[in-house]
C-alpha cells in the first residue's frame, strides 16, 4: 500500500496489523471486528486518526453470511 510509506513507524505497524486481520480467511467477520476493536482500543488519538484515513469505514463490504474460511471452498 503506497500510502503507508510516508507514515510514522507506529502507524505503519498498526496498518500492517489491520491488513493482516482483514486478510485472515481463517476468522469469521465477528472475530475480525473484535480483533480490530481490540487493536484500536489502545491507540493514541493521533495514530487512530491516521489509521482511519487509511482504512475508512467500509459499510458495504461484501462477505456474505458464510464464515470467511468457507468462502474459498469450491464444490467438487
N, C-alpha and C. Protein backbone atom coordinates (compact mmCIF):
# COMPACT_ATOMS: atom_id res chain seq x y z
N UNK A 1 0.85 -1.17 0.00
CA UNK A 1 0.00 0.00 0.00
C UNK A 1 0.88 1.23 0.00
N UNK A 2 0.82 2.02 -1.03
CA UNK A 2 1.70 3.16 -1.22
C UNK A 2 1.52 4.24 -0.16
N UNK A 3 0.29 4.44 0.30
CA UNK A 3 0.01 5.48 1.29
C UNK A 3 0.81 5.29 2.57
N UNK A 4 1.15 4.07 2.89
CA UNK A 4 1.81 3.75 4.15
C UNK A 4 3.25 4.24 4.19
N UNK A 5 3.91 4.34 3.07
CA UNK A 5 5.33 4.66 3.02
C UNK A 5 5.70 5.96 3.73
N UNK A 6 4.83 6.96 3.72
CA UNK A 6 5.16 8.26 4.30
C UNK A 6 4.70 8.42 5.74
N UNK A 7 4.30 7.36 6.39
CA UNK A 7 3.78 7.44 7.74
C UNK A 7 4.84 7.07 8.77
N UNK A 8 4.54 7.40 10.03
CA UNK A 8 5.45 7.04 11.11
C UNK A 8 5.53 5.53 11.25
N UNK A 9 6.58 5.06 11.91
CA UNK A 9 6.75 3.61 12.06
C UNK A 9 5.61 3.01 12.89
N UNK A 10 5.08 3.76 13.85
CA UNK A 10 3.97 3.26 14.66
C UNK A 10 2.71 3.07 13.81
N UNK A 11 2.41 4.04 12.97
CA UNK A 11 1.23 3.95 12.11
C UNK A 11 1.43 2.84 11.07
N UNK A 12 2.63 2.71 10.54
CA UNK A 12 2.93 1.63 9.59
C UNK A 12 2.69 0.27 10.22
N UNK A 13 3.13 0.12 11.46
CA UNK A 13 2.97 -1.15 12.16
C UNK A 13 1.49 -1.48 12.37
N UNK A 14 0.72 -0.51 12.79
CA UNK A 14 -0.71 -0.71 13.01
C UNK A 14 -1.41 -1.01 11.69
N UNK A 15 -1.06 -0.28 10.63
CA UNK A 15 -1.67 -0.51 9.32
C UNK A 15 -1.38 -1.93 8.83
N UNK A 16 -0.18 -2.39 9.05
CA UNK A 16 0.18 -3.76 8.66
C UNK A 16 -0.65 -4.78 9.44
N UNK A 17 -0.86 -4.52 10.73
CA UNK A 17 -1.68 -5.41 11.54
C UNK A 17 -3.14 -5.42 11.08
N UNK A 18 -3.66 -4.23 10.73
CA UNK A 18 -5.04 -4.13 10.23
C UNK A 18 -5.18 -4.95 8.95
N UNK A 19 -4.24 -4.80 8.03
CA UNK A 19 -4.31 -5.55 6.78
C UNK A 19 -4.24 -7.05 7.02
N UNK A 20 -3.40 -7.46 7.97
CA UNK A 20 -3.27 -8.90 8.27
C UNK A 20 -4.59 -9.45 8.83
N UNK A 21 -5.23 -8.69 9.69
CA UNK A 21 -6.51 -9.13 10.25
C UNK A 21 -7.56 -9.22 9.16
N UNK A 22 -7.62 -8.21 8.31
CA UNK A 22 -8.61 -8.20 7.23
C UNK A 22 -8.38 -9.31 6.21
N UNK A 23 -7.15 -9.69 6.02
CA UNK A 23 -6.81 -10.72 5.03
C UNK A 23 -6.89 -12.14 5.58
N UNK A 24 -7.08 -12.28 6.89
CA UNK A 24 -7.11 -13.59 7.52
C UNK A 24 -8.42 -14.31 7.21
N UNK A 25 -8.38 -15.28 6.33
CA UNK A 25 -9.58 -16.01 5.92
C UNK A 25 -9.96 -17.11 6.90
N UNK A 26 -9.18 -17.29 7.95
CA UNK A 26 -9.46 -18.32 8.93
C UNK A 26 -10.30 -17.81 10.11
N UNK A 27 -10.70 -16.54 10.06
CA UNK A 27 -11.54 -16.00 11.12
C UNK A 27 -12.87 -15.52 10.53
N UNK A 28 -13.88 -15.47 11.39
CA UNK A 28 -15.20 -15.01 10.95
C UNK A 28 -15.21 -13.49 10.94
N UNK A 29 -16.26 -12.94 10.38
CA UNK A 29 -16.40 -11.49 10.34
C UNK A 29 -16.49 -10.93 11.76
N UNK A 30 -17.19 -11.64 12.65
CA UNK A 30 -17.30 -11.20 14.04
C UNK A 30 -15.93 -11.20 14.72
N UNK A 31 -15.13 -12.22 14.46
CA UNK A 31 -13.79 -12.28 15.03
C UNK A 31 -12.92 -11.16 14.48
N UNK A 32 -13.05 -10.88 13.19
CA UNK A 32 -12.30 -9.77 12.59
C UNK A 32 -12.66 -8.47 13.28
N UNK A 33 -13.94 -8.23 13.45
CA UNK A 33 -14.42 -6.99 14.08
C UNK A 33 -13.87 -6.87 15.50
N UNK A 34 -13.90 -7.97 16.24
CA UNK A 34 -13.39 -7.96 17.60
C UNK A 34 -11.90 -7.66 17.65
N UNK A 35 -11.14 -8.30 16.77
CA UNK A 35 -9.69 -8.06 16.74
C UNK A 35 -9.37 -6.61 16.39
N UNK A 36 -10.11 -6.05 15.42
CA UNK A 36 -9.87 -4.66 15.04
C UNK A 36 -10.24 -3.71 16.17
N UNK A 37 -11.32 -4.00 16.90
CA UNK A 37 -11.70 -3.17 18.03
C UNK A 37 -10.64 -3.22 19.12
N UNK A 38 -10.10 -4.40 19.37
CA UNK A 38 -9.05 -4.55 20.38
C UNK A 38 -7.80 -3.76 19.97
N UNK A 39 -7.48 -3.80 18.71
CA UNK A 39 -6.31 -3.08 18.21
C UNK A 39 -6.51 -1.57 18.37
N UNK A 40 -7.68 -1.09 18.01
CA UNK A 40 -7.98 0.36 18.11
C UNK A 40 -8.04 0.85 19.55
N UNK A 41 -8.44 -0.01 20.47
CA UNK A 41 -8.68 0.39 21.86
C UNK A 41 -7.46 1.04 22.52
N UNK A 42 -6.29 0.58 22.19
CA UNK A 42 -5.10 1.10 22.85
C UNK A 42 -4.34 2.17 22.08
N UNK A 43 -4.91 2.66 21.00
CA UNK A 43 -4.18 3.61 20.16
C UNK A 43 -4.33 5.05 20.63
N UNK A 44 -3.26 5.82 20.54
CA UNK A 44 -3.37 7.26 20.79
C UNK A 44 -4.27 7.90 19.72
N UNK A 45 -4.90 9.01 20.06
CA UNK A 45 -5.83 9.67 19.13
C UNK A 45 -5.17 10.01 17.79
N UNK A 46 -3.94 10.45 17.82
CA UNK A 46 -3.26 10.85 16.59
C UNK A 46 -3.08 9.65 15.65
N UNK A 47 -2.70 8.52 16.22
CA UNK A 47 -2.49 7.31 15.43
C UNK A 47 -3.83 6.81 14.89
N UNK A 48 -4.84 6.80 15.74
CA UNK A 48 -6.18 6.36 15.32
C UNK A 48 -6.70 7.21 14.16
N UNK A 49 -6.44 8.50 14.23
CA UNK A 49 -6.88 9.42 13.16
C UNK A 49 -6.21 9.06 11.83
N UNK A 50 -4.92 8.76 11.86
CA UNK A 50 -4.20 8.38 10.64
C UNK A 50 -4.69 7.04 10.10
N UNK A 51 -4.94 6.10 11.00
CA UNK A 51 -5.43 4.78 10.58
C UNK A 51 -6.81 4.91 9.94
N UNK A 52 -7.65 5.74 10.51
CA UNK A 52 -8.99 5.94 9.93
C UNK A 52 -8.92 6.54 8.53
N UNK A 53 -7.91 7.36 8.28
CA UNK A 53 -7.73 7.91 6.93
C UNK A 53 -7.32 6.82 5.95
N UNK A 54 -6.49 5.90 6.41
CA UNK A 54 -6.03 4.80 5.54
C UNK A 54 -7.11 3.77 5.30
N UNK A 55 -7.92 3.51 6.33
CA UNK A 55 -8.94 2.47 6.26
C UNK A 55 -10.30 3.05 6.63
N UNK A 56 -10.90 3.82 5.72
CA UNK A 56 -12.22 4.37 6.03
C UNK A 56 -13.22 3.24 6.23
N UNK A 57 -14.27 3.54 6.97
CA UNK A 57 -15.30 2.52 7.22
C UNK A 57 -15.84 2.00 5.90
N UNK A 58 -15.98 0.71 5.83
CA UNK A 58 -16.50 0.08 4.62
C UNK A 58 -17.85 -0.54 4.96
N UNK A 59 -18.89 0.28 4.96
CA UNK A 59 -20.21 -0.18 5.38
C UNK A 59 -20.79 -1.23 4.45
N UNK A 60 -20.38 -1.22 3.20
CA UNK A 60 -20.96 -2.15 2.23
C UNK A 60 -19.98 -3.25 1.84
N UNK A 61 -19.10 -3.58 2.72
CA UNK A 61 -18.10 -4.61 2.45
C UNK A 61 -18.80 -5.95 2.26
N UNK A 62 -18.52 -6.60 1.17
CA UNK A 62 -19.21 -7.85 0.84
C UNK A 62 -18.45 -9.05 1.35
N UNK A 63 -19.10 -9.86 2.16
CA UNK A 63 -18.52 -11.11 2.61
C UNK A 63 -19.56 -12.20 2.64
N UNK A 64 -20.82 -11.83 2.62
CA UNK A 64 -21.86 -12.85 2.70
C UNK A 64 -22.07 -13.30 4.12
N UNK A 65 -22.98 -14.25 4.29
CA UNK A 65 -23.34 -14.73 5.61
C UNK A 65 -22.52 -15.95 6.03
N UNK A 66 -21.77 -16.51 5.12
CA UNK A 66 -20.96 -17.68 5.40
C UNK A 66 -19.66 -17.22 6.04
N UNK A 67 -19.14 -18.00 6.96
CA UNK A 67 -17.87 -17.61 7.57
C UNK A 67 -16.79 -17.53 6.48
N UNK A 68 -15.83 -16.69 6.71
CA UNK A 68 -14.82 -16.42 5.69
C UNK A 68 -14.00 -17.65 5.35
N UNK A 69 -13.80 -18.57 6.28
CA UNK A 69 -12.97 -19.72 5.98
C UNK A 69 -13.66 -20.66 5.00
N UNK A 70 -14.96 -20.57 4.86
CA UNK A 70 -15.69 -21.42 3.93
C UNK A 70 -15.93 -20.76 2.57
N UNK A 71 -15.61 -19.50 2.44
CA UNK A 71 -15.86 -18.78 1.20
C UNK A 71 -15.05 -19.31 0.03
N UNK A 72 -13.86 -19.74 0.26
CA UNK A 72 -12.98 -20.13 -0.85
C UNK A 72 -13.05 -21.62 -1.19
N UNK A 73 -13.86 -22.34 -0.46
CA UNK A 73 -14.02 -23.75 -0.80
C UNK A 73 -14.96 -23.87 -1.99
N UNK A 74 -14.57 -24.64 -2.93
CA UNK A 74 -15.40 -24.80 -4.14
C UNK A 74 -16.03 -26.15 -4.14
N UNK A 75 -17.19 -26.23 -4.76
CA UNK A 75 -17.89 -27.51 -4.88
C UNK A 75 -17.12 -28.45 -5.79
N UNK A 76 -17.17 -29.76 -5.48
CA UNK A 76 -16.44 -30.73 -6.31
C UNK A 76 -17.04 -30.88 -7.69
